[in-house]
Amino acid sequence: MSRGKKLDIFIGADFDESWAEVQSPRKTKRSNELQEPGKHFLVFQKEKRRGKTVTLVGEFHISKDDATTLLKMLKKKLGCGGSIKEGWMEFQGELKEKLRPLLLAQDFRFKHGH
Protein backbone atom coordinates (compact mmCIF):
# COMPACT_ATOMS: atom_id res chain seq x y z
CA MET A 1 0.00 0.00 0.00
CA SER A 2 1.42 3.37 -1.02
CA ARG A 3 1.62 6.13 1.52
CA GLY A 4 0.96 8.85 -1.05
CA LYS A 5 1.80 12.51 -0.57
CA LYS A 6 2.24 13.99 2.86
CA LEU A 7 -0.43 16.52 3.72
CA ASP A 8 0.89 19.96 4.65
CA ILE A 9 -1.32 20.99 7.56
CA PHE A 10 -0.30 23.83 9.83
CA ILE A 11 -2.16 23.91 13.14
CA GLY A 12 0.01 26.37 15.04
CA ALA A 13 2.69 24.14 16.52
CA ASP A 14 5.88 22.52 15.30
CA PHE A 15 6.21 18.89 16.36
CA ASP A 16 9.74 18.28 15.06
CA GLU A 17 11.79 18.58 18.26
CA SER A 18 9.87 20.80 20.64
CA TRP A 19 6.86 23.06 20.82
CA ALA A 20 7.10 26.43 19.13
CA GLU A 21 5.08 29.55 19.80
CA VAL A 22 3.18 30.94 16.86
CA GLN A 23 4.20 34.54 16.18
CA SER A 24 1.33 36.49 14.69
CA PRO A 25 1.93 40.08 13.61
CA ARG A 26 0.18 42.87 15.49
CA LYS A 27 -2.76 44.45 13.71
CA THR A 28 -1.56 47.91 14.65
CA LYS A 29 2.06 48.89 14.62
CA ARG A 30 3.34 50.61 17.73
CA SER A 31 5.71 53.45 17.19
CA ASN A 32 8.59 53.52 19.63
CA GLU A 33 9.59 57.06 18.80
CA LEU A 34 8.83 59.76 21.35
CA GLN A 35 6.57 62.63 20.33
CA GLU A 36 5.78 65.97 21.84
CA PRO A 37 2.25 66.43 23.24
CA GLY A 38 1.06 68.54 20.29
CA LYS A 39 1.64 65.66 17.86
CA HIS A 40 -0.46 63.14 19.77
CA PHE A 41 -3.92 62.17 18.58
CA LEU A 42 -5.53 60.55 21.59
CA VAL A 43 -8.75 58.54 21.71
CA PHE A 44 -11.05 57.52 24.54
CA GLN A 45 -12.32 54.00 25.10
CA LYS A 46 -14.71 52.76 27.73
CA GLU A 47 -14.62 49.20 29.07
CA LYS A 48 -16.46 47.26 31.72
CA ARG A 49 -14.26 45.24 34.05
CA ARG A 50 -15.92 43.16 36.73
CA GLY A 51 -19.02 45.31 36.44
CA LYS A 52 -17.15 48.61 36.84
CA THR A 53 -16.40 51.21 34.19
CA VAL A 54 -12.80 51.90 33.15
CA THR A 55 -11.83 54.84 30.93
CA LEU A 56 -8.87 54.28 28.59
CA VAL A 57 -6.95 57.16 27.00
CA GLY A 58 -4.15 56.70 24.52
CA GLU A 59 -1.99 55.93 22.84
CA PHE A 60 0.78 58.00 24.40
CA HIS A 61 4.25 58.21 22.82
CA ILE A 62 6.14 59.86 25.67
CA SER A 63 8.95 58.70 27.91
CA LYS A 64 8.12 56.48 30.85
CA ASP A 65 9.07 59.18 33.38
CA ASP A 66 6.87 61.78 31.68
CA ALA A 67 4.00 59.31 31.51
CA THR A 68 4.19 58.49 35.23
CA THR A 69 4.33 62.17 36.24
CA LEU A 70 1.37 62.97 33.94
CA LEU A 71 -0.59 60.01 35.31
CA LYS A 72 0.15 61.04 38.90
CA MET A 73 -1.01 64.61 38.23
CA LEU A 74 -4.21 63.45 36.51
CA LYS A 75 -5.08 60.97 39.26
CA LYS A 76 -4.59 63.66 41.89
CA LYS A 77 -6.82 66.18 40.07
CA LEU A 78 -9.51 63.61 39.32
CA GLY A 79 -9.42 61.87 42.69
CA CYS A 80 -9.41 58.38 41.21
CA GLY A 81 -7.10 55.42 40.70
CA GLY A 82 -5.37 54.52 37.49
CA SER A 83 -2.40 52.96 35.78
CA ILE A 84 -0.48 53.01 32.51
CA LYS A 85 -0.12 49.89 30.38
CA GLU A 86 1.39 49.65 26.89
CA GLY A 87 1.03 53.38 26.23
CA TRP A 88 -2.60 53.55 27.38
CA MET A 89 -3.70 55.24 30.60
CA GLU A 90 -6.47 53.51 32.50
CA PHE A 91 -8.67 55.41 34.94
CA GLN A 92 -11.27 53.99 37.29
CA GLY A 93 -14.70 55.35 36.44
CA GLU A 94 -16.30 57.15 33.53
CA LEU A 95 -14.13 60.28 33.31
CA LYS A 96 -14.10 61.28 29.64
CA GLU A 97 -15.65 64.71 30.23
CA LYS A 98 -13.28 65.52 33.10
CA LEU A 99 -10.14 64.18 31.39
CA ARG A 100 -10.50 66.06 28.11
CA PRO A 101 -9.92 69.61 29.49
CA LEU A 102 -7.02 68.42 31.67
CA LEU A 103 -5.23 66.84 28.72
CA LEU A 104 -6.00 69.80 26.46
CA ALA A 105 -4.34 72.04 29.07
CA GLN A 106 -1.23 69.85 28.72
CA ASP A 107 -1.29 70.50 24.89
CA PHE A 108 -2.47 67.02 23.90
CA ARG A 109 -4.83 66.69 20.92
CA PHE A 110 -7.68 64.29 20.21
CA LYS A 111 -8.92 62.56 17.09
CA HIS A 112 -12.04 64.08 15.59
CA GLY A 113 -15.12 62.89 17.42
CA HIS A 114 -13.38 61.79 20.61
C-alpha atoms as a PDB file:
ATOM      1  CA  MET A   1       0.000   0.000   0.000  1.00  0.00           C
ATOM      2  CA  SER A   2       1.416   3.367  -1.017  1.00  0.00           C
ATOM      3  CA  ARG A   3       1.616   6.133   1.519  1.00  0.00           C
ATOM      4  CA  GLY A   4       0.965   8.853  -1.050  1.00  0.00           C
ATOM      5  CA  LYS A   5       1.804  12.513  -0.567  1.00  0.00           C
ATOM      6  CA  LYS A   6       2.238  13.986   2.859  1.00  0.00           C
ATOM      7  CA  LEU A   7      -0.431  16.524   3.720  1.00  0.00           C
ATOM      8  CA  ASP A   8       0.890  19.962   4.651  1.00  0.00           C
ATOM      9  CA  ILE A   9      -1.321  20.995   7.562  1.00  0.00           C
ATOM     10  CA  PHE A  10      -0.299  23.832   9.835  1.00  0.00           C
ATOM     11  CA  ILE A  11      -2.158  23.908  13.145  1.00  0.00           C
ATOM     12  CA  GLY A  12       0.005  26.372  15.037  1.00  0.00           C
ATOM     13  CA  ALA A  13       2.687  24.140  16.519  1.00  0.00           C
ATOM     14  CA  ASP A  14       5.884  22.518  15.301  1.00  0.00           C
ATOM     15  CA  PHE A  15       6.207  18.886  16.355  1.00  0.00           C
ATOM     16  CA  ASP A  16       9.740  18.278  15.064  1.00  0.00           C
ATOM     17  CA  GLU A  17      11.786  18.582  18.255  1.00  0.00           C
ATOM     18  CA  SER A  18       9.866  20.795  20.637  1.00  0.00           C
ATOM     19  CA  TRP A  19       6.861  23.056  20.820  1.00  0.00           C
ATOM     20  CA  ALA A  20       7.103  26.427  19.134  1.00  0.00           C
ATOM     21  CA  GLU A  21       5.084  29.546  19.799  1.00  0.00           C
ATOM     22  CA  VAL A  22       3.181  30.941  16.856  1.00  0.00           C
ATOM     23  CA  GLN A  23       4.200  34.541  16.178  1.00  0.00           C
ATOM     24  CA  SER A  24       1.326  36.494  14.689  1.00  0.00           C
ATOM     25  CA  PRO A  25       1.925  40.077  13.612  1.00  0.00           C
ATOM     26  CA  ARG A  26       0.177  42.867  15.491  1.00  0.00           C
ATOM     27  CA  LYS A  27      -2.758  44.445  13.714  1.00  0.00           C
ATOM     28  CA  THR A  28      -1.561  47.911  14.647  1.00  0.00           C
ATOM     29  CA  LYS A  29       2.062  48.892  14.623  1.00  0.00           C
ATOM     30  CA  ARG A  30       3.342  50.609  17.732  1.00  0.00           C
ATOM     31  CA  SER A  31       5.707  53.450  17.189  1.00  0.00           C
ATOM     32  CA  ASN A  32       8.591  53.521  19.635  1.00  0.00           C
ATOM     33  CA  GLU A  33       9.592  57.064  18.799  1.00  0.00           C
ATOM     34  CA  LEU A  34       8.829  59.760  21.346  1.00  0.00           C
ATOM     35  CA  GLN A  35       6.572  62.627  20.326  1.00  0.00           C
ATOM     36  CA  GLU A  36       5.784  65.971  21.840  1.00  0.00           C
ATOM     37  CA  PRO A  37       2.250  66.434  23.243  1.00  0.00           C
ATOM     38  CA  GLY A  38       1.064  68.543  20.293  1.00  0.00           C
ATOM     39  CA  LYS A  39       1.637  65.658  17.864  1.00  0.00           C
ATOM     40  CA  HIS A  40      -0.458  63.136  19.773  1.00  0.00           C
ATOM     41  CA  PHE A  41      -3.922  62.169  18.575  1.00  0.00           C
ATOM     42  CA  LEU A  42      -5.535  60.548  21.592  1.00  0.00           C
ATOM     43  CA  VAL A  43      -8.749  58.540  21.714  1.00  0.00           C
ATOM     44  CA  PHE A  44     -11.052  57.524  24.542  1.00  0.00           C
ATOM     45  CA  GLN A  45     -12.319  54.004  25.100  1.00  0.00           C
ATOM     46  CA  LYS A  46     -14.714  52.760  27.733  1.00  0.00           C
ATOM     47  CA  GLU A  47     -14.623  49.201  29.068  1.00  0.00           C
ATOM     48  CA  LYS A  48     -16.464  47.260  31.720  1.00  0.00           C
ATOM     49  CA  ARG A  49     -14.259  45.239  34.050  1.00  0.00           C
ATOM     50  CA  ARG A  50     -15.920  43.156  36.726  1.00  0.00           C
ATOM     51  CA  GLY A  51     -19.019  45.314  36.436  1.00  0.00           C
ATOM     52  CA  LYS A  52     -17.151  48.611  36.844  1.00  0.00           C
ATOM     53  CA  THR A  53     -16.397  51.206  34.192  1.00  0.00           C
ATOM     54  CA  VAL A  54     -12.799  51.903  33.154  1.00  0.00           C
ATOM     55  CA  THR A  55     -11.830  54.836  30.926  1.00  0.00           C
ATOM     56  CA  LEU A  56      -8.866  54.279  28.590  1.00  0.00           C
ATOM     57  CA  VAL A  57      -6.953  57.162  27.001  1.00  0.00           C
ATOM     58  CA  GLY A  58      -4.153  56.702  24.515  1.00  0.00           C
ATOM     59  CA  GLU A  59      -1.993  55.935  22.842  1.00  0.00           C
ATOM     60  CA  PHE A  60       0.781  58.003  24.402  1.00  0.00           C
ATOM     61  CA  HIS A  61       4.247  58.208  22.815  1.00  0.00           C
ATOM     62  CA  ILE A  62       6.143  59.860  25.666  1.00  0.00           C
ATOM     63  CA  SER A  63       8.950  58.703  27.912  1.00  0.00           C
ATOM     64  CA  LYS A  64       8.116  56.483  30.853  1.00  0.00           C
ATOM     65  CA  ASP A  65       9.068  59.180  33.383  1.00  0.00           C
ATOM     66  CA  ASP A  66       6.873  61.778  31.681  1.00  0.00           C
ATOM     67  CA  ALA A  67       3.996  59.306  31.512  1.00  0.00           C
ATOM     68  CA  THR A  68       4.189  58.486  35.226  1.00  0.00           C
ATOM     69  CA  THR A  69       4.327  62.166  36.239  1.00  0.00           C
ATOM     70  CA  LEU A  70       1.366  62.969  33.935  1.00  0.00           C
ATOM     71  CA  LEU A  71      -0.589  60.013  35.310  1.00  0.00           C
ATOM     72  CA  LYS A  72       0.146  61.038  38.900  1.00  0.00           C
ATOM     73  CA  MET A  73      -1.005  64.607  38.231  1.00  0.00           C
ATOM     74  CA  LEU A  74      -4.211  63.448  36.508  1.00  0.00           C
ATOM     75  CA  LYS A  75      -5.075  60.971  39.259  1.00  0.00           C
ATOM     76  CA  LYS A  76      -4.590  63.660  41.888  1.00  0.00           C
ATOM     77  CA  LYS A  77      -6.822  66.177  40.072  1.00  0.00           C
ATOM     78  CA  LEU A  78      -9.514  63.607  39.322  1.00  0.00           C
ATOM     79  CA  GLY A  79      -9.420  61.866  42.694  1.00  0.00           C
ATOM     80  CA  CYS A  80      -9.406  58.379  41.214  1.00  0.00           C
ATOM     81  CA  GLY A  81      -7.103  55.420  40.701  1.00  0.00           C
ATOM     82  CA  GLY A  82      -5.373  54.520  37.494  1.00  0.00           C
ATOM     83  CA  SER A  83      -2.397  52.959  35.783  1.00  0.00           C
ATOM     84  CA  ILE A  84      -0.485  53.008  32.512  1.00  0.00           C
ATOM     85  CA  LYS A  85      -0.120  49.891  30.381  1.00  0.00           C
ATOM     86  CA  GLU A  86       1.388  49.645  26.888  1.00  0.00           C
ATOM     87  CA  GLY A  87       1.033  53.376  26.231  1.00  0.00           C
ATOM     88  CA  TRP A  88      -2.602  53.553  27.379  1.00  0.00           C
ATOM     89  CA  MET A  89      -3.696  55.239  30.598  1.00  0.00           C
ATOM     90  CA  GLU A  90      -6.475  53.510  32.500  1.00  0.00           C
ATOM     91  CA  PHE A  91      -8.670  55.408  34.942  1.00  0.00           C
ATOM     92  CA  GLN A  92     -11.273  53.987  37.294  1.00  0.00           C
ATOM     93  CA  GLY A  93     -14.700  55.353  36.438  1.00  0.00           C
ATOM     94  CA  GLU A  94     -16.300  57.151  33.525  1.00  0.00           C
ATOM     95  CA  LEU A  95     -14.131  60.276  33.312  1.00  0.00           C
ATOM     96  CA  LYS A  96     -14.102  61.284  29.640  1.00  0.00           C
ATOM     97  CA  GLU A  97     -15.651  64.712  30.226  1.00  0.00           C
ATOM     98  CA  LYS A  98     -13.276  65.517  33.096  1.00  0.00           C
ATOM     99  CA  LEU A  99     -10.140  64.178  31.386  1.00  0.00           C
ATOM    100  CA  ARG A 100     -10.498  66.062  28.108  1.00  0.00           C
ATOM    101  CA  PRO A 101      -9.917  69.610  29.493  1.00  0.00           C
ATOM    102  CA  LEU A 102      -7.024  68.421  31.671  1.00  0.00           C
ATOM    103  CA  LEU A 103      -5.233  66.837  28.722  1.00  0.00           C
ATOM    104  CA  LEU A 104      -6.002  69.804  26.459  1.00  0.00           C
ATOM    105  CA  ALA A 105      -4.342  72.038  29.067  1.00  0.00           C
ATOM    106  CA  GLN A 106      -1.227  69.853  28.717  1.00  0.00           C
ATOM    107  CA  ASP A 107      -1.295  70.498  24.891  1.00  0.00           C
ATOM    108  CA  PHE A 108      -2.475  67.018  23.902  1.00  0.00           C
ATOM    109  CA  ARG A 109      -4.828  66.689  20.925  1.00  0.00           C
ATOM    110  CA  PHE A 110      -7.683  64.291  20.213  1.00  0.00           C
ATOM    111  CA  LYS A 111      -8.921  62.564  17.090  1.00  0.00           C
ATOM    112  CA  HIS A 112     -12.036  64.082  15.587  1.00  0.00           C
ATOM    113  CA  GLY A 113     -15.116  62.888  17.418  1.00  0.00           C
ATOM    114  CA  HIS A 114     -13.382  61.788  20.611  1.00  0.00           C
END
